[in-house]
Amino acid sequence: MSRPAVAGWLLVLSSGCFGQAPVEVRVDLGRNLGAFTPVYPWFGYDESNYTTTKNGQALLRELHDTTPEPVYVRAHFLLTTGNGKPELKWSSSNVYSEDANGKPVYDWTILDGMFDAWTRAGVRPMVELGFMPKALSIHPDPYHIPWPTQPGEVEGWSFPPKDYSKWGDLIRQVAAHMATRYGMAEVSNWYWEVWNEPDIFYWHGSEDEYNRLYDYAVAGVRAAIPTARVGGPATTGPSPNSKSAAFLQQFLRHCAEDRSGATGGPVPLDFISFHAKGSPHMMDGHVQMGLGRELENATTGFGIVRASSKFRGLPIILSEADPEGCGACSPEQHPEDAYRNGTVYPAYTAAAMKALMDLAEGERVHLIGFLTWAFEFEDQPWFAGRRTLATHGTDKPEMNFFRMAGLLGGDRVEAVSRGAIAAESIVKQGVRERPEVDAMATRRGSSASLLLWNYQDDAVAGPDVRTHISIRGIPTAVGRVLVEEYGIDNQHSNAFEVWKQMGSPQEPSAEQDARLKAAGQLETIDSPRWIPVKDGGVETEIDLPRESMALLRLSWEK
């Protein structure tokens, strides 16, 4: 079940060089670390109108099918005024307008189409309550400026409401409509988040005005759905002494100490959201990722939550957690974003997932989700390099990370790799001196899954890493286990490489399109096969290419 080995590489873990000894990964299925928290099945995108396109609806169904866990989807521009036609970093629903007398007029057509598509696909909305309808904005013109905007330009959807009571009633109407359409039990499972990144250009108001916006919004949701889960503030990534950190701190103080500007009672807060972003850049002609910055954002935010005696136990959702901050940007203008089509992206995401879970555990806070801000774009070239999970209906390698993660479940068990790098070290230094070869394992009943990755910030070619895997804790009465190995690398689960081998066609033939879609699925490697068990354990070796992932799934008869 091994990939072909590459001879002659060196691995000396202590010095960061490579020597001949394999990386040792030890798994103890009897060492239970508690229930595995599925933090991965959260997704989002700017262009909410892509929800109802053919490719968008197909991708939603695929997201649902990646995992047995609930999948949550968050999107911008749910409440903005417009004709429902998406652009890069823009969408609209036209749900709210006013007549000549200033009375509200509701049109649910476009919004219902989005929510119907989500619920029909079996995914749950994380309802981002934004942005401001034109009829409510204190600065309605210019309302929308096609992206990219120029310095100094502001858009009317990003301003406070001229009437907070009308804003609150808009949110009450939206929540009540959803409760009627989908049922109280269903909408009580959703998360209702107020706005997006109010510490930057998404909000042209003060901190106090955002707090008031929040108060009226959550009062409106709770008036219609008393059991709704409400939260925020969805700030940008907090770093020490930053504006975003200060915004998050003052928001938590407001919820803990102030009275609601809408009701005069306590301010409801059921979850806390903020963002965490990395910082790729070009280095000596190649992309160097910035995982350390994303983890710094997260650990700073975790510390702020931990310092709040009232809210330190609340669920935390990193409602955008990505290698960088501009999903719609193209590598043509931003060469540092060239990581997105290949295997660097999923290897990064795997390393980020474990590190985020470890940092949250260290801070003793309750992380329940890190949301990947990626979906699909319509009417763009094949593999254009924008941050997506699929292109023209063909899945990219990043999508297969989520299929692998979906095979984890049950209880997390001990997995120790000599090639691991501590999350705290990555915060300070990134993954620069040597690759991280690490693992995460879970067990459910008579099966176990082991996720492995070989990741380094520098997106350059490197040797395969031989990995020796020892798994203990299998019942002693079991004589053999069935092993399935899945891989993401340049040869497996990688439609981008197949597309390049075809000559990078922008109009693939029907046969090529079918081949690309097949190549975009998660592939097995030399499996399944039976392996004998000795004294409750098995041992095997695999080769992990640079910037790759593997998942071993073991099962045995009871």
Protein backbone atom coordinates (compact mmCIF):
# COMPACT_ATOMS: atom_id res chain seq x y z
CA MET A 1 0.00 0.00 0.00
CA SER A 2 3.05 2.24 -0.31
CA ARG A 3 3.69 4.84 -2.94
CA PRO A 4 6.99 4.32 -4.78
CA ALA A 5 9.83 5.36 -2.49
CA VAL A 6 12.37 8.02 -3.41
CA ALA A 7 15.85 6.88 -2.45
CA GLY A 8 18.60 9.01 -1.04
CA TRP A 9 16.68 11.59 0.98
CA LEU A 10 17.87 12.56 4.45
CA LEU A 11 15.87 13.18 7.59
CA VAL A 12 17.26 14.58 10.80
CA LEU A 13 14.28 15.93 12.68
CA SER A 14 16.26 17.77 15.32
CA SER A 15 18.16 19.91 12.82
CA GLY A 16 15.51 20.41 10.15
CA CYS A 17 17.46 18.44 7.54
CA PHE A 18 16.45 15.11 6.08
CA GLY A 19 18.10 11.76 6.93
CA GLN A 20 17.48 8.13 6.15
CA ALA A 21 15.30 7.10 9.10
CA PRO A 22 11.55 7.23 8.38
CA VAL A 23 9.33 9.59 10.32
CA GLU A 24 7.71 7.54 13.07
CA VAL A 25 3.95 7.94 13.59
CA ARG A 26 2.51 6.07 16.58
CA VAL A 27 -1.24 5.65 17.06
CA ASP A 28 -2.79 4.24 20.23
CA LEU A 29 -6.46 3.43 19.66
CA GLY A 30 -6.83 2.71 23.37
CA ARG A 31 -5.75 6.23 24.34
CA ASN A 32 -9.05 8.13 24.08
CA LEU A 33 -8.74 11.92 23.94
CA GLY A 34 -12.49 12.58 23.93
CA ALA A 35 -15.11 13.06 21.25
CA PHE A 36 -13.77 14.34 17.94
CA THR A 37 -15.16 17.80 17.18
CA PRO A 38 -15.88 18.11 13.44
CA VAL A 39 -14.61 21.68 13.05
CA TYR A 40 -14.14 21.42 9.27
CA PRO A 41 -17.59 21.31 7.51
CA TRP A 42 -18.14 25.08 7.35
CA PHE A 43 -18.04 27.00 4.06
CA GLY A 44 -18.73 30.48 2.78
CA TYR A 45 -18.60 32.84 -0.19
CA ASP A 46 -19.20 36.46 -1.19
CA GLU A 47 -21.44 35.82 -4.17
CA SER A 48 -24.60 34.44 -2.55
CA ASN A 49 -26.40 34.43 -5.91
CA TYR A 50 -24.10 31.60 -7.06
CA THR A 51 -26.11 29.44 -4.66
CA THR A 52 -28.84 28.95 -7.25
CA THR A 53 -26.66 28.29 -10.31
CA LYS A 54 -26.38 24.78 -11.72
CA ASN A 55 -22.77 24.36 -10.59
CA GLY A 56 -23.51 25.99 -7.26
CA GLN A 57 -26.36 23.62 -6.47
CA ALA A 58 -24.26 20.62 -7.51
CA LEU A 59 -21.40 21.74 -5.28
CA LEU A 60 -23.74 22.19 -2.32
CA ARG A 61 -24.88 18.59 -2.69
CA GLU A 62 -21.26 17.48 -2.83
CA LEU A 63 -20.46 19.42 0.33
CA HIS A 64 -23.30 17.66 2.08
CA ASP A 65 -22.00 14.30 0.90
CA THR A 66 -18.42 14.85 2.12
CA THR A 67 -19.34 14.09 5.71
CA PRO A 68 -22.04 12.59 7.93
CA GLU A 69 -21.77 15.73 10.09
CA PRO A 70 -23.96 18.83 9.62
CA VAL A 71 -22.55 21.17 6.98
CA TYR A 72 -22.96 24.92 7.46
CA VAL A 73 -22.85 27.57 4.72
CA ARG A 74 -22.39 31.33 5.18
CA ALA A 75 -22.73 33.97 2.45
CA HIS A 76 -22.47 37.74 2.10
CA PHE A 77 -25.02 40.16 0.66
CA LEU A 78 -28.17 38.35 1.75
CA LEU A 79 -30.11 41.57 2.35
CA THR A 80 -28.71 43.97 -0.24
CA THR A 81 -30.75 45.78 -2.88
CA GLY A 82 -30.35 44.71 -6.51
CA ASN A 83 -31.48 42.48 -9.33
CA GLY A 84 -30.04 39.20 -8.04
CA LYS A 85 -27.26 38.99 -10.63
CA PRO A 86 -23.88 38.16 -9.09
CA GLU A 87 -20.57 39.87 -9.77
CA LEU A 88 -17.20 39.30 -8.17
CA LYS A 89 -17.65 40.22 -4.50
CA TRP A 90 -21.28 41.22 -4.99
CA SER A 91 -24.78 39.74 -4.84
CA SER A 92 -28.25 40.92 -3.90
CA SER A 93 -31.68 39.69 -2.90
CA ASN A 94 -33.83 42.84 -3.11
CA VAL A 95 -35.75 41.49 -0.14
CA TYR A 96 -36.47 44.95 1.30
CA SER A 97 -37.63 48.20 -0.25
CA GLU A 98 -40.07 50.93 0.71
CA ASP A 99 -43.09 52.45 -0.99
CA ALA A 100 -43.63 56.15 -1.58
CA ASN A 101 -44.87 56.53 1.98
CA GLY A 102 -41.83 54.85 3.51
CA LYS A 103 -43.62 51.64 4.35
CA PRO A 104 -41.64 48.38 4.02
CA VAL A 105 -42.16 46.22 0.95
CA TYR A 106 -40.86 42.63 1.07
CA ASP A 107 -40.01 40.47 -1.92
CA TRP A 108 -38.91 36.97 -0.91
CA THR A 109 -38.32 35.55 -4.38
CA ILE A 110 -34.52 35.70 -4.60
CA LEU A 111 -33.87 35.04 -0.91
CA ASP A 112 -36.18 32.00 -0.95
CA GLY A 113 -34.28 30.64 -3.93
CA MET A 114 -31.02 30.73 -1.97
CA PHE A 115 -32.40 29.20 1.21
CA ASP A 116 -34.36 26.59 -0.74
CA ALA A 117 -31.14 25.55 -2.49
CA TRP A 118 -29.29 25.25 0.83
CA THR A 119 -31.99 23.26 2.57
CA ARG A 120 -32.67 21.10 -0.49
CA ALA A 121 -28.98 20.16 -0.56
CA GLY A 122 -29.17 19.23 3.11
CA VAL A 123 -26.82 21.97 4.35
CA ARG A 124 -27.66 24.44 7.10
CA PRO A 125 -27.35 28.19 6.76
CA MET A 126 -25.11 30.24 8.98
CA VAL A 127 -27.23 33.29 8.33
CA GLU A 128 -25.05 36.38 7.99
CA LEU A 129 -27.40 39.29 8.62
CA GLY A 130 -26.15 41.87 6.14
CA PHE A 131 -25.83 44.11 4.36
CA MET A 132 -27.94 47.28 4.53
CA PRO A 133 -30.79 47.64 2.00
CA LYS A 134 -30.62 50.87 0.05
CA ALA A 135 -33.90 52.15 1.45
CA LEU A 136 -32.52 51.90 4.99
CA SER A 137 -28.98 53.20 4.47
CA ILE A 138 -28.02 56.60 5.86
CA HIS A 139 -25.72 56.95 2.83
CA PRO A 140 -27.59 55.25 -0.03
CA ASP A 141 -25.60 56.64 -2.96
CA PRO A 142 -23.46 55.35 -4.47
CA TYR A 143 -24.95 52.07 -3.31
CA HIS A 144 -22.83 49.56 -5.27
CA ILE A 145 -19.51 50.14 -7.06
CA PRO A 146 -18.23 47.19 -9.12
CA TRP A 147 -15.18 45.52 -7.62
CA PRO A 148 -12.38 46.38 -7.25
CA THR A 149 -13.25 49.65 -5.60
CA GLN A 150 -10.67 52.42 -5.49
CA PRO A 151 -9.21 53.98 -2.33
CA GLY A 152 -11.69 56.37 -0.79
CA GLU A 153 -14.72 54.90 -2.51
CA VAL A 154 -17.53 53.79 -0.18
CA GLU A 155 -20.73 51.88 -0.90
CA GLY A 156 -24.15 52.51 0.54
CA TRP A 157 -24.73 48.92 1.72
CA SER A 158 -21.95 49.32 4.30
CA PHE A 159 -23.58 52.10 6.35
CA PRO A 160 -25.79 52.07 9.45
CA PRO A 161 -29.57 52.17 9.10
CA LYS A 162 -31.41 55.46 9.16
CA ASP A 163 -33.96 53.81 11.47
CA TYR A 164 -32.81 51.03 13.83
CA SER A 165 -36.37 50.02 14.56
CA LYS A 166 -36.95 49.37 10.86
CA TRP A 167 -33.69 47.41 10.74
CA GLY A 168 -34.81 45.29 13.69
CA ASP A 169 -38.19 44.69 12.11
CA LEU A 170 -36.53 43.67 8.81
CA ILE A 171 -34.56 41.02 10.68
CA ARG A 172 -37.70 39.90 12.55
CA GLN A 173 -39.55 39.54 9.27
CA VAL A 174 -36.68 37.52 7.72
CA ALA A 175 -36.49 35.20 10.72
CA ALA A 176 -40.28 34.77 10.90
CA HIS A 177 -40.46 34.04 7.18
CA MET A 178 -37.76 31.37 7.49
CA ALA A 179 -39.45 29.81 10.52
CA THR A 180 -42.73 29.59 8.62
CA ARG A 181 -41.10 28.23 5.48
CA TYR A 182 -38.73 25.67 7.03
CA GLY A 183 -40.14 25.03 10.48
CA MET A 184 -39.13 26.20 13.94
CA ALA A 185 -37.11 23.07 14.66
CA GLU A 186 -35.00 23.52 11.53
CA VAL A 187 -34.22 27.23 11.91
CA SER A 188 -33.30 26.68 15.56
CA ASN A 189 -30.36 24.63 14.25
CA TRP A 190 -29.03 27.55 12.24
CA TYR A 191 -26.54 30.16 13.43
CA TRP A 192 -27.54 33.81 13.07
CA GLU A 193 -24.52 36.11 12.80
CA VAL A 194 -24.76 39.89 12.68
CA TRP A 195 -22.80 41.51 9.81
CA ASN A 196 -19.28 40.82 8.59
CA GLU A 197 -15.96 42.40 9.54
CA PRO A 198 -17.38 45.59 11.08
CA ASP A 199 -13.86 46.71 12.02
CA ILE A 200 -12.99 47.48 8.36
CA PHE A 201 -14.72 48.82 5.23
CA TYR A 202 -17.70 46.48 5.52
CA TRP A 203 -19.04 48.84 8.21
CA HIS A 204 -18.94 52.61 7.92
CA GLY A 205 -20.16 53.21 11.43
CA SER A 206 -18.71 53.39 14.92
CA GLU A 207 -18.27 50.57 17.41
CA ASP A 208 -21.27 51.85 19.36
CA GLU A 209 -23.35 51.89 16.18
CA TYR A 210 -22.38 48.30 15.46
CA ASN A 211 -23.38 47.31 19.00
CA ARG A 212 -26.74 48.95 18.44
CA LEU A 213 -27.07 47.21 15.05
CA TYR A 214 -26.36 43.93 16.82
CA ASP A 215 -28.87 44.59 19.59
CA TYR A 216 -31.72 45.29 17.18
CA ALA A 217 -30.80 42.39 14.93
CA VAL A 218 -30.69 39.74 17.64
CA ALA A 219 -33.85 41.15 19.20
CA GLY A 220 -35.55 40.75 15.82
CA VAL A 221 -34.34 37.17 15.39
CA ARG A 222 -35.32 36.18 18.93
CA ALA A 223 -38.76 37.78 18.59
CA ALA A 224 -39.49 35.37 15.73
CA ILE A 225 -37.38 32.38 16.86
CA PRO A 226 -36.99 32.36 20.66
CA THR A 227 -34.51 29.45 20.48
CA ALA A 228 -32.33 30.97 17.75
CA ARG A 229 -28.54 30.86 18.19
CA VAL A 230 -27.30 34.43 17.75
CA GLY A 231 -23.80 35.87 17.77
CA GLY A 232 -21.01 37.92 16.26
CA PRO A 233 -19.10 40.18 15.73
CA ALA A 234 -17.25 38.47 12.81
CA THR A 235 -14.25 40.80 13.02
CA THR A 236 -11.16 40.46 10.89
CA GLY A 237 -8.30 38.43 12.33
CA PRO A 238 -7.25 39.81 15.70
CA SER A 239 -3.54 40.20 16.28
CA PRO A 240 -1.98 41.61 19.45
CA ASN A 241 -2.84 45.30 20.02
CA SER A 242 -4.77 45.50 16.74
CA LYS A 243 -7.98 47.36 15.94
CA SER A 244 -9.77 44.05 15.36
CA ALA A 245 -8.67 42.74 18.77
CA ALA A 246 -9.92 45.94 20.44
CA PHE A 247 -13.22 45.66 18.54
CA LEU A 248 -13.74 42.08 19.70
CA GLN A 249 -12.94 43.03 23.30
CA GLN A 250 -15.35 45.97 23.38
CA PHE A 251 -18.09 43.87 21.79
CA LEU A 252 -17.77 41.22 24.51
CA ARG A 253 -17.84 43.95 27.17
CA HIS A 254 -21.00 45.35 25.60
CA CYS A 255 -22.73 41.97 25.67
CA ALA A 256 -21.57 41.27 29.22
CA GLU A 257 -22.19 44.63 30.86
CA ASP A 258 -24.59 46.79 28.85
CA ARG A 259 -28.34 46.66 28.39
CA SER A 260 -29.71 46.03 24.93
CA GLY A 261 -30.40 49.17 22.95
CA ALA A 262 -33.40 47.40 21.45
CA THR A 263 -35.07 45.78 24.47
CA GLY A 264 -33.45 47.26 27.57
CA GLY A 265 -32.70 43.73 28.76
CA PRO A 266 -29.56 41.59 28.64
CA VAL A 267 -27.77 41.36 25.30
CA PRO A 268 -28.12 37.82 23.88
CA LEU A 269 -24.91 36.08 22.80
CA ASP A 270 -24.83 32.36 22.04
CA PHE A 271 -21.59 32.11 20.02
CA ILE A 272 -18.58 34.27 19.27
CA SER A 273 -17.22 34.69 15.75
CA PHE A 274 -14.09 36.26 14.37
CA HIS A 275 -11.80 35.56 11.41
CA ALA A 276 -8.28 34.18 11.01
CA LYS A 277 -6.19 34.68 7.87
CA GLY A 278 -2.74 33.69 6.73
CA SER A 279 -0.33 35.79 4.69
CA PRO A 280 1.25 34.21 1.59
CA HIS A 281 3.83 36.20 -0.34
CA MET A 282 6.42 35.67 -3.04
CA MET A 283 9.88 34.59 -1.88
CA ASP A 284 12.73 33.96 -4.32
CA GLY A 285 10.31 33.22 -7.13
CA HIS A 286 7.96 30.91 -5.25
CA VAL A 287 4.96 31.23 -2.96
CA GLN A 288 5.69 31.15 0.73
CA MET A 289 2.56 30.51 2.76
CA GLY A 290 1.88 32.23 6.09
CA LEU A 291 0.21 29.66 8.33
CA GLY A 292 1.76 31.29 11.39
CA ARG A 293 -0.26 34.46 10.92
CA GLU A 294 -3.56 32.58 10.68
CA LEU A 295 -2.73 30.77 13.91
CA GLU A 296 -1.66 34.02 15.56
CA ASN A 297 -5.06 35.53 14.69
CA ALA A 298 -6.78 32.53 16.20
CA THR A 299 -4.76 32.33 19.40
CA THR A 300 -5.13 36.07 20.00
CA GLY A 301 -8.90 35.75 19.63
CA PHE A 302 -8.97 32.66 21.83
CA GLY A 303 -7.13 34.61 24.50
CA ILE A 304 -9.64 37.46 24.33
CA VAL A 305 -12.52 35.01 24.74
CA ARG A 306 -10.71 33.23 27.55
CA ALA A 307 -10.32 36.56 29.38
CA SER A 308 -14.10 37.05 29.35
CA SER A 309 -15.37 35.39 32.53
CA LYS A 310 -18.97 35.45 31.28
CA PHE A 311 -18.41 34.12 27.77
CA ARG A 312 -15.25 31.98 27.88
CA GLY A 313 -17.31 28.80 27.58
CA LEU A 314 -19.31 29.87 24.52
CA PRO A 315 -18.82 28.17 21.15
CA ILE A 316 -16.32 29.93 18.89
CA ILE A 317 -16.71 29.93 15.11
CA LEU A 318 -13.88 31.22 12.95
CA SER A 319 -16.40 32.33 10.37
CA GLU A 320 -13.62 32.85 7.83
CA ALA A 321 -10.35 30.92 8.24
CA ASP A 322 -8.15 30.90 5.15
CA PRO A 323 -4.60 31.21 3.83
CA GLU A 324 -5.29 34.87 2.93
CA GLY A 325 -8.08 37.37 2.62
CA CYS A 326 -9.20 37.80 -1.00
CA GLY A 327 -11.03 34.83 -2.45
CA ALA A 328 -11.98 36.69 -5.63
CA CYS A 329 -8.42 37.83 -6.38
CA SER A 330 -6.59 36.14 -9.23
CA PRO A 331 -2.92 35.05 -9.32
CA GLU A 332 -2.60 37.14 -12.48
CA GLN A 333 -2.71 40.22 -10.26
CA HIS A 334 -1.66 38.49 -7.02
CA PRO A 335 1.00 35.84 -7.77
CA GLU A 336 1.16 34.93 -4.08
CA ASP A 337 -2.26 33.31 -4.51
CA ALA A 338 -0.98 30.70 -6.98
CA TYR A 339 -1.22 27.98 -4.30
CA ARG A 340 -4.96 27.55 -4.76
CA ASN A 341 -5.24 25.02 -7.60
CA GLY A 342 -2.79 22.43 -6.32
CA THR A 343 -1.95 20.34 -3.28
CA VAL A 344 -0.45 23.11 -1.13
CA TYR A 345 -3.96 24.27 -0.25
CA PRO A 346 -5.30 20.99 1.23
CA ALA A 347 -2.00 20.23 3.03
CA TYR A 348 -2.15 23.74 4.55
CA THR A 349 -5.76 23.20 5.61
CA ALA A 350 -4.92 19.91 7.32
CA ALA A 351 -2.04 21.49 9.24
CA ALA A 352 -4.26 24.44 10.15
CA MET A 353 -7.09 22.23 11.42
CA LYS A 354 -4.95 20.33 13.90
CA ALA A 355 -3.10 23.44 15.04
CA LEU A 356 -6.34 25.36 15.59
CA MET A 357 -7.76 22.49 17.63
CA ASP A 358 -4.56 22.28 19.68
CA LEU A 359 -4.48 26.04 20.32
CA ALA A 360 -8.14 26.07 21.38
CA GLU A 361 -7.48 23.19 23.75
CA GLY A 362 -4.48 25.02 25.20
CA GLU A 363 -6.57 28.13 25.81
CA ARG A 364 -9.43 25.98 27.13
CA VAL A 365 -11.96 27.54 24.78
CA HIS A 366 -14.69 25.84 22.76
CA LEU A 367 -13.88 25.92 19.04
CA ILE A 368 -16.68 24.37 16.99
CA GLY A 369 -15.85 25.49 13.47
CA PHE A 370 -13.28 27.01 11.13
CA LEU A 371 -15.02 28.14 7.97
CA THR A 372 -13.33 27.87 4.58
CA TRP A 373 -14.21 30.90 2.50
CA ALA A 374 -14.34 29.15 -0.86
CA PHE A 375 -17.08 27.98 -3.19
CA GLU A 376 -17.17 28.40 -6.99
CA PHE A 377 -17.20 31.20 -9.56
CA GLU A 378 -19.30 31.33 -12.70
CA ASP A 379 -18.09 32.54 -16.10
CA GLN A 380 -14.40 32.38 -15.18
CA PRO A 381 -11.60 30.50 -17.00
CA TRP A 382 -10.84 26.93 -15.99
CA PHE A 383 -8.52 26.85 -12.97
CA ALA A 384 -8.36 30.64 -12.93
CA GLY A 385 -6.75 30.48 -9.48
CA ARG A 386 -9.44 32.16 -7.46
CA ARG A 387 -10.05 30.56 -4.06
CA THR A 388 -12.56 27.86 -4.97
CA LEU A 389 -13.48 24.27 -4.28
CA ALA A 390 -14.45 23.57 -7.89
CA THR A 391 -14.03 25.00 -11.37
CA HIS A 392 -16.70 24.44 -14.04
CA GLY A 393 -18.12 21.61 -11.93
CA THR A 394 -14.72 19.88 -11.52
CA ASP A 395 -13.48 19.55 -7.95
CA LYS A 396 -10.06 20.89 -7.02
CA PRO A 397 -7.66 19.12 -4.61
CA GLU A 398 -8.86 21.25 -1.69
CA MET A 399 -12.29 19.64 -1.98
CA ASN A 400 -10.71 16.27 -1.28
CA PHE A 401 -9.36 17.48 2.04
CA PHE A 402 -12.97 17.68 3.19
CA ARG A 403 -13.72 14.21 1.89
CA MET A 404 -10.77 12.91 3.90
CA ALA A 405 -11.82 14.86 6.99
CA GLY A 406 -15.31 13.40 6.60
CA LEU A 407 -13.82 9.94 7.19
CA LEU A 408 -12.75 11.02 10.67
CA GLY A 409 -15.28 10.55 13.43
CA GLY A 410 -16.16 9.10 16.79
CA ASP A 411 -13.48 9.67 19.42
CA ARG A 412 -10.13 11.29 18.86
CA VAL A 413 -7.28 8.97 19.86
CA GLU A 414 -3.61 9.55 20.43
CA ALA A 415 -1.48 10.01 17.32
CA VAL A 416 2.11 11.10 17.86
CA SER A 417 4.45 11.97 15.00
CA ARG A 418 8.16 12.64 15.32
CA GLY A 419 7.72 14.98 12.38
CA ALA A 420 5.18 17.21 14.13
CA ILE A 421 5.74 20.89 14.86
CA ALA A 422 3.99 22.35 17.90
CA ALA A 423 1.24 24.86 17.11
CA GLU A 424 2.86 27.44 19.38
CA SER A 425 6.07 27.13 17.36
CA ILE A 426 4.19 27.60 14.08
CA VAL A 427 2.63 30.79 15.48
CA LYS A 428 6.12 32.21 16.04
CA GLN A 429 8.09 30.76 13.14
CA GLY A 430 5.72 29.25 10.60
CA VAL A 431 6.66 25.98 8.92
CA ARG A 432 9.87 27.16 7.32
CA GLU A 433 12.94 25.20 8.49
CA ARG A 434 11.60 21.76 7.69
CA PRO A 435 8.31 20.18 6.60
CA GLU A 436 5.71 19.22 9.15
CA VAL A 437 4.82 15.54 8.86
CA ASP A 438 1.99 15.09 11.31
CA ALA A 439 -1.16 13.09 11.92
CA MET A 440 -4.57 12.98 13.56
CA ALA A 441 -6.54 9.81 14.38
CA THR A 442 -10.06 8.85 15.38
CA ARG A 443 -11.84 5.65 16.31
CA ARG A 444 -15.47 4.66 16.00
CA GLY A 445 -16.50 1.11 16.96
CA SER A 446 -14.55 -1.44 14.92
CA SER A 447 -12.92 1.11 12.62
CA ALA A 448 -10.27 3.81 12.83
CA SER A 449 -9.04 6.61 10.56
CA LEU A 450 -5.60 8.19 10.42
CA LEU A 451 -5.08 11.50 8.60
CA LEU A 452 -1.51 12.39 7.64
CA TRP A 453 0.09 15.33 5.86
CA ASN A 454 3.43 16.63 4.67
CA TYR A 455 3.30 20.44 4.69
CA GLN A 456 5.79 23.28 4.41
CA ASP A 457 5.17 27.00 3.94
CA ASP A 458 7.54 27.20 1.00
CA ALA A 459 5.71 25.86 -2.06
CA VAL A 460 8.75 24.28 -3.68
CA ALA A 461 9.52 20.76 -4.84
CA GLY A 462 11.04 18.43 -2.28
CA PRO A 463 11.66 14.75 -1.61
CA ASP A 464 9.05 12.29 -0.47
CA VAL A 465 9.11 11.48 3.23
CA ARG A 466 9.05 7.83 4.20
CA THR A 467 6.60 7.44 7.07
CA HIS A 468 6.53 4.42 9.38
CA ILE A 469 3.12 3.96 11.00
CA SER A 470 2.53 1.87 14.10
CA ILE A 471 -1.05 1.39 15.26
CA ARG A 472 -1.83 -0.23 18.61
CA GLY A 473 -5.03 -0.90 20.53
CA ILE A 474 -6.78 -3.20 18.06
CA PRO A 475 -8.67 -5.93 19.94
CA THR A 476 -6.32 -8.87 20.50
CA ALA A 477 -8.85 -11.32 19.07
CA VAL A 478 -8.66 -9.58 15.68
CA GLY A 479 -6.38 -11.40 13.24
CA ARG A 480 -6.39 -8.94 10.36
CA VAL A 481 -7.60 -5.47 9.42
CA LEU A 482 -8.83 -4.13 6.10
CA VAL A 483 -6.89 -0.99 5.15
CA GLU A 484 -7.98 1.61 2.64
CA GLU A 485 -5.47 4.32 1.70
CA TYR A 486 -6.57 7.59 0.10
CA GLY A 487 -4.15 10.18 -1.24
CA ILE A 488 -3.96 13.78 -2.41
CA ASP A 489 -0.76 14.51 -4.32
CA ASN A 490 0.37 15.22 -7.87
CA GLN A 491 -0.74 11.78 -9.00
CA HIS A 492 -3.96 11.28 -7.05
CA SER A 493 -7.18 13.22 -6.39
CA ASN A 494 -5.82 16.09 -8.46
CA ALA A 495 -7.79 17.33 -11.46
CA PHE A 496 -5.46 20.31 -11.85
CA GLU A 497 -2.52 18.11 -12.78
CA VAL A 498 -4.67 16.14 -15.22
CA TRP A 499 -5.86 19.39 -16.80
CA LYS A 500 -2.28 20.58 -17.27
CA GLN A 501 -1.34 17.25 -18.83
CA MET A 502 -4.19 17.77 -21.31
CA GLY A 503 -2.59 21.06 -22.36
CA SER A 504 -4.74 23.29 -20.10
CA PRO A 505 -7.79 23.39 -22.40
CA GLN A 506 -10.28 26.20 -21.84
CA GLU A 507 -12.91 24.29 -23.82
CA PRO A 508 -12.46 20.65 -22.83
CA SER A 509 -14.21 18.05 -24.94
CA ALA A 510 -16.95 15.97 -23.39
CA GLU A 511 -14.45 13.15 -22.89
CA GLN A 512 -11.91 15.50 -21.28
CA ASP A 513 -14.59 16.99 -19.06
CA ALA A 514 -15.55 13.52 -17.83
CA ARG A 515 -11.89 12.69 -17.14
CA LEU A 516 -11.45 15.92 -15.18
CA LYS A 517 -14.51 15.33 -13.06
CA ALA A 518 -13.32 11.81 -12.26
CA ALA A 519 -9.84 13.10 -11.40
CA GLY A 520 -11.41 15.58 -9.01
CA GLN A 521 -12.72 12.82 -6.75
CA LEU A 522 -10.88 11.28 -3.81
CA GLU A 523 -8.73 8.37 -5.01
CA THR A 524 -7.48 5.26 -3.28
CA ILE A 525 -3.88 4.09 -3.56
CA ASP A 526 -3.09 0.37 -3.86
CA SER A 527 -6.03 -0.55 -1.66
CA PRO A 528 -8.09 -1.93 -0.07
CA ARG A 529 -5.97 -4.76 1.29
CA TRP A 530 -5.80 -6.93 4.37
CA ILE A 531 -2.93 -6.57 6.85
CA PRO A 532 -2.26 -9.10 9.61
CA VAL A 533 -2.57 -8.01 13.24
CA LYS A 534 0.06 -9.07 15.76
CA ASP A 535 -0.47 -8.54 19.51
CA GLY A 536 -3.19 -5.96 18.88
CA GLY A 537 -1.16 -3.89 16.46
CA VAL A 538 -0.25 -3.32 12.84
CA GLU A 539 2.68 -1.60 11.17
CA THR A 540 3.03 -0.21 7.69
CA GLU A 541 4.95 2.41 5.73
CA ILE A 542 3.92 4.96 3.14
CA ASP A 543 5.68 7.73 1.26
CA LEU A 544 4.31 11.24 1.63
CA PRO A 545 5.31 13.57 -1.22
CA ARG A 546 5.88 17.24 -0.45
CA GLU A 547 2.59 19.11 0.07
CA SER A 548 0.48 15.96 0.15
CA MET A 549 -2.03 14.17 2.34
CA ALA A 550 -3.01 10.58 3.04
CA LEU A 551 -5.82 8.96 4.96
CA LEU A 552 -5.68 5.37 6.17
CA ARG A 553 -8.97 3.79 7.14
CA LEU A 554 -8.82 0.55 9.12
CA SER A 555 -11.76 -1.74 9.81
CA TRP A 556 -12.05 -5.16 11.38
CA GLU A 557 -14.66 -7.71 12.25
CA LYS A 558 -15.98 -7.58 15.78
